[in-house]
Amino acid sequence: MKKRFSLALCALCLCSLANAAIYDLDKAHSNVNFKVKHLSISNVNGKFSDANAQIDLDNGVINSLSATIKTSSVNTDNDARDNHLQQADFFDSKQYPDMKFVMEKFVKDSKNEGKVIGNLTIKNVTKPVTLDYEFGGKAKNMQGKNVIGFSLEGEIKRSDFSFAPSSSNAVLSDKIKINIDVEAVER
């Protein structure tokens, strides 16, 4: 009886490992977006066009996620503003070319939803961040490789990262909303 139980447990572990896979971000089908209030009356929307991520996912549950975003790839559809965002009072892109996120924990809320909890580093300041997760599904691409999709949403405070410290909250909201759509291809 003990032997059968041990074999069943080993088989279950092997099946679980067989379903887990490592995925790399598909840059052509992923978006890293943000939104911040300007003058307390309107939103400025932006995105980052250069991001990389590695995801270990098993049946819609993220086991690990790490991402790097190039701060110089910020794009708000305004060249003057984008250049200013790369200066020392904002991203300081020359000294800090990368923002990084490393997941510490995943909490499953329902079949396709959960929380991704991790650490975000901007300008050498690391703070915990919780992002709402929604699994979109799994499919095969035209090359026959497995592809996954999911969305992440959350917010950070710019004051936590000494981001634009001389800007008042009336000019630039302290709250920055994050919206990330991920499509990733199995290695």
Protein backbone atom coordinates (compact mmCIF):
# COMPACT_ATOMS: atom_id res chain seq x y z
CA MET A 1 0.00 0.00 0.00
CA LYS A 2 2.82 2.42 0.93
CA LYS A 3 4.64 1.58 -2.28
CA ARG A 4 1.52 2.26 -4.39
CA PHE A 5 0.96 5.59 -2.62
CA SER A 6 4.61 6.59 -3.20
CA LEU A 7 4.38 5.69 -6.89
CA ALA A 8 1.12 7.63 -7.25
CA LEU A 9 2.68 10.66 -5.54
CA CYS A 10 5.73 10.49 -7.84
CA ALA A 11 3.48 10.20 -10.91
CA LEU A 12 1.46 13.21 -9.77
CA CYS A 13 4.64 15.27 -9.29
CA LEU A 14 5.95 14.27 -12.74
CA CYS A 15 2.62 15.19 -14.38
CA SER A 16 2.70 18.54 -12.62
CA LEU A 17 6.24 19.19 -13.86
CA ALA A 18 5.24 18.14 -17.37
CA ASN A 19 2.59 20.89 -17.47
CA ALA A 20 4.91 23.64 -16.21
CA ALA A 21 6.69 25.58 -18.93
CA ILE A 22 8.98 28.58 -19.33
CA TYR A 23 7.72 31.37 -21.59
CA ASP A 24 9.43 34.44 -23.03
CA LEU A 25 7.63 37.70 -23.71
CA ASP A 26 6.39 38.17 -27.27
CA LYS A 27 7.19 41.87 -27.71
CA ALA A 28 5.04 42.21 -30.83
CA HIS A 29 1.90 41.16 -28.94
CA SER A 30 2.52 42.61 -25.46
CA ASN A 31 2.02 46.09 -23.99
CA VAL A 32 3.39 47.83 -20.89
CA ASN A 33 1.18 50.88 -20.32
CA PHE A 34 0.77 53.52 -17.63
CA LYS A 35 -1.56 56.40 -16.88
CA VAL A 36 -1.08 59.41 -14.58
CA LYS A 37 -3.30 62.43 -13.86
CA HIS A 38 -1.98 65.80 -15.03
CA LEU A 39 -3.19 69.03 -13.38
CA SER A 40 -5.79 66.87 -11.57
CA ILE A 41 -8.06 67.08 -14.62
CA SER A 42 -6.83 64.74 -17.35
CA ASN A 43 -4.76 61.63 -17.90
CA VAL A 44 -1.43 61.31 -19.64
CA ASN A 45 -1.04 57.84 -21.12
CA GLY A 46 2.25 56.22 -21.94
CA LYS A 47 3.94 52.95 -22.67
CA PHE A 48 7.33 51.29 -22.78
CA SER A 49 8.33 49.74 -26.09
CA ASP A 50 11.30 47.68 -24.84
CA ALA A 51 10.51 45.04 -22.23
CA ASN A 52 11.62 41.47 -21.61
CA ALA A 53 10.10 38.88 -19.31
CA GLN A 54 10.50 35.25 -18.40
CA ILE A 55 7.46 33.45 -17.01
CA ASP A 56 7.17 29.99 -15.48
CA LEU A 57 3.50 29.07 -15.77
CA ASP A 58 1.56 25.91 -14.98
CA ASN A 59 -2.16 25.64 -15.82
CA GLY A 60 -2.71 29.38 -15.57
CA VAL A 61 -0.79 29.72 -12.29
CA ILE A 62 2.43 31.73 -12.39
CA ASN A 63 5.28 30.02 -10.54
CA SER A 64 7.78 32.77 -11.32
CA LEU A 65 7.94 35.98 -13.30
CA SER A 66 10.81 38.39 -13.82
CA ALA A 67 10.75 41.39 -16.12
CA THR A 68 13.09 44.15 -17.25
CA ILE A 69 11.91 47.37 -18.89
CA LYS A 70 14.24 49.84 -20.61
CA THR A 71 13.44 53.31 -19.19
CA SER A 72 14.67 55.00 -22.39
CA SER A 73 11.83 53.28 -24.29
CA VAL A 74 9.17 55.45 -22.60
CA ASN A 75 6.69 56.79 -25.15
CA THR A 76 3.88 59.28 -24.42
CA ASP A 77 3.50 60.40 -28.07
CA ASN A 78 5.29 63.65 -27.24
CA ASP A 79 9.05 63.78 -27.95
CA ALA A 80 9.75 66.72 -25.62
CA ARG A 81 7.94 65.02 -22.72
CA ASP A 82 9.60 61.67 -23.46
CA ASN A 83 13.04 63.33 -23.39
CA HIS A 84 12.16 65.04 -20.10
CA LEU A 85 11.01 61.72 -18.61
CA GLN A 86 14.51 60.34 -19.21
CA GLN A 87 16.14 63.13 -17.18
CA ALA A 88 17.39 62.84 -13.57
CA ASP A 89 14.16 64.07 -11.92
CA PHE A 90 12.16 61.29 -13.60
CA PHE A 91 13.69 57.96 -14.80
CA ASP A 92 17.32 59.12 -15.00
CA SER A 93 17.74 56.71 -17.91
CA LYS A 94 21.50 57.19 -18.28
CA GLN A 95 22.23 56.16 -14.70
CA TYR A 96 19.30 53.71 -14.35
CA PRO A 97 18.58 52.18 -17.77
CA ASP A 98 16.37 49.39 -16.40
CA MET A 99 13.29 49.00 -14.25
CA LYS A 100 12.90 45.50 -12.85
CA PHE A 101 10.07 43.43 -11.43
CA VAL A 102 10.56 40.09 -9.69
CA MET A 103 7.56 38.10 -8.47
CA GLU A 104 7.74 36.81 -4.91
CA LYS A 105 4.33 35.17 -4.60
CA PHE A 106 1.23 34.27 -6.60
CA VAL A 107 -2.19 34.11 -4.93
CA LYS A 108 -4.94 32.37 -6.89
CA ASP A 109 -8.37 34.00 -6.39
CA SER A 110 -10.40 31.98 -8.90
CA LYS A 111 -9.90 29.80 -11.96
CA ASN A 112 -8.47 32.63 -14.11
CA GLU A 113 -7.73 35.39 -11.60
CA GLY A 114 -5.24 36.07 -8.87
CA LYS A 115 -2.63 38.43 -7.49
CA VAL A 116 1.00 38.71 -8.54
CA ILE A 117 3.00 40.04 -5.61
CA GLY A 118 6.57 41.12 -6.13
CA ASN A 119 9.23 43.79 -5.95
CA LEU A 120 9.54 46.66 -8.42
CA THR A 121 12.85 48.49 -8.72
CA ILE A 122 12.99 51.97 -10.24
CA LYS A 123 16.10 54.16 -9.89
CA ASN A 124 17.66 51.67 -7.45
CA VAL A 125 14.63 51.90 -5.10
CA THR A 126 12.78 48.63 -4.54
CA LYS A 127 9.20 48.54 -3.26
CA PRO A 128 6.57 45.78 -2.99
CA VAL A 129 3.82 45.86 -5.61
CA THR A 130 0.62 43.82 -5.95
CA LEU A 131 -0.85 43.40 -9.43
CA ASP A 132 -4.26 41.97 -10.28
CA TYR A 133 -3.87 39.02 -12.64
CA GLU A 134 -6.30 37.69 -15.24
CA PHE A 135 -5.34 34.62 -17.28
CA GLY A 136 -6.48 34.90 -20.89
CA GLY A 137 -5.67 31.37 -21.96
CA LYS A 138 -3.29 29.17 -23.89
CA ALA A 139 -3.11 28.54 -27.64
CA LYS A 140 -0.70 27.46 -30.38
CA ASN A 141 0.91 30.02 -32.67
CA MET A 142 1.49 29.56 -36.41
CA GLN A 143 4.80 27.83 -35.70
CA GLY A 144 3.05 25.28 -33.46
CA LYS A 145 4.51 26.64 -30.21
CA ASN A 146 2.45 27.09 -27.05
CA VAL A 147 1.49 30.69 -26.33
CA ILE A 148 -0.09 32.12 -23.18
CA GLY A 149 -1.84 35.41 -22.55
CA PHE A 150 -2.65 37.32 -19.38
CA SER A 151 -3.20 40.83 -18.06
CA LEU A 152 -1.79 42.62 -15.02
CA GLU A 153 -3.20 45.79 -13.45
CA GLY A 154 -2.21 47.81 -10.44
CA GLU A 155 -0.84 51.10 -9.26
CA ILE A 156 2.24 52.55 -7.67
CA LYS A 157 3.06 55.84 -5.99
CA ARG A 158 5.69 57.96 -7.69
CA SER A 159 6.74 59.29 -4.26
CA ASP A 160 7.76 55.74 -3.24
CA PHE A 161 10.43 55.84 -5.95
CA SER A 162 11.54 59.49 -5.60
CA PHE A 163 10.05 60.02 -9.03
CA ALA A 164 9.59 63.71 -9.94
CA PRO A 165 9.93 64.83 -6.29
CA SER A 166 9.60 68.54 -7.12
CA SER A 167 6.22 68.07 -8.86
CA SER A 168 3.22 68.67 -6.61
CA ASN A 169 0.32 66.21 -6.57
CA ALA A 170 -1.85 68.92 -8.13
CA VAL A 171 0.45 69.02 -11.16
CA LEU A 172 1.27 65.31 -11.38
CA SER A 173 -0.70 62.75 -9.41
CA ASP A 174 1.20 60.59 -6.95
CA LYS A 175 -0.79 57.60 -8.20
CA ILE A 176 0.41 55.93 -11.40
CA LYS A 177 -1.84 53.24 -12.87
CA ILE A 178 -0.21 50.26 -14.58
CA ASN A 179 -1.83 48.06 -17.22
CA ILE A 180 0.19 45.25 -18.81
CA ASP A 181 -1.01 42.83 -21.49
CA VAL A 182 1.26 39.83 -21.95
CA GLU A 183 1.55 37.30 -24.70
CA ALA A 184 4.44 34.88 -24.21
CA VAL A 185 5.84 31.97 -26.21
CA GLU A 186 7.06 28.70 -24.73
CA ARG A 187 10.79 28.12 -25.07
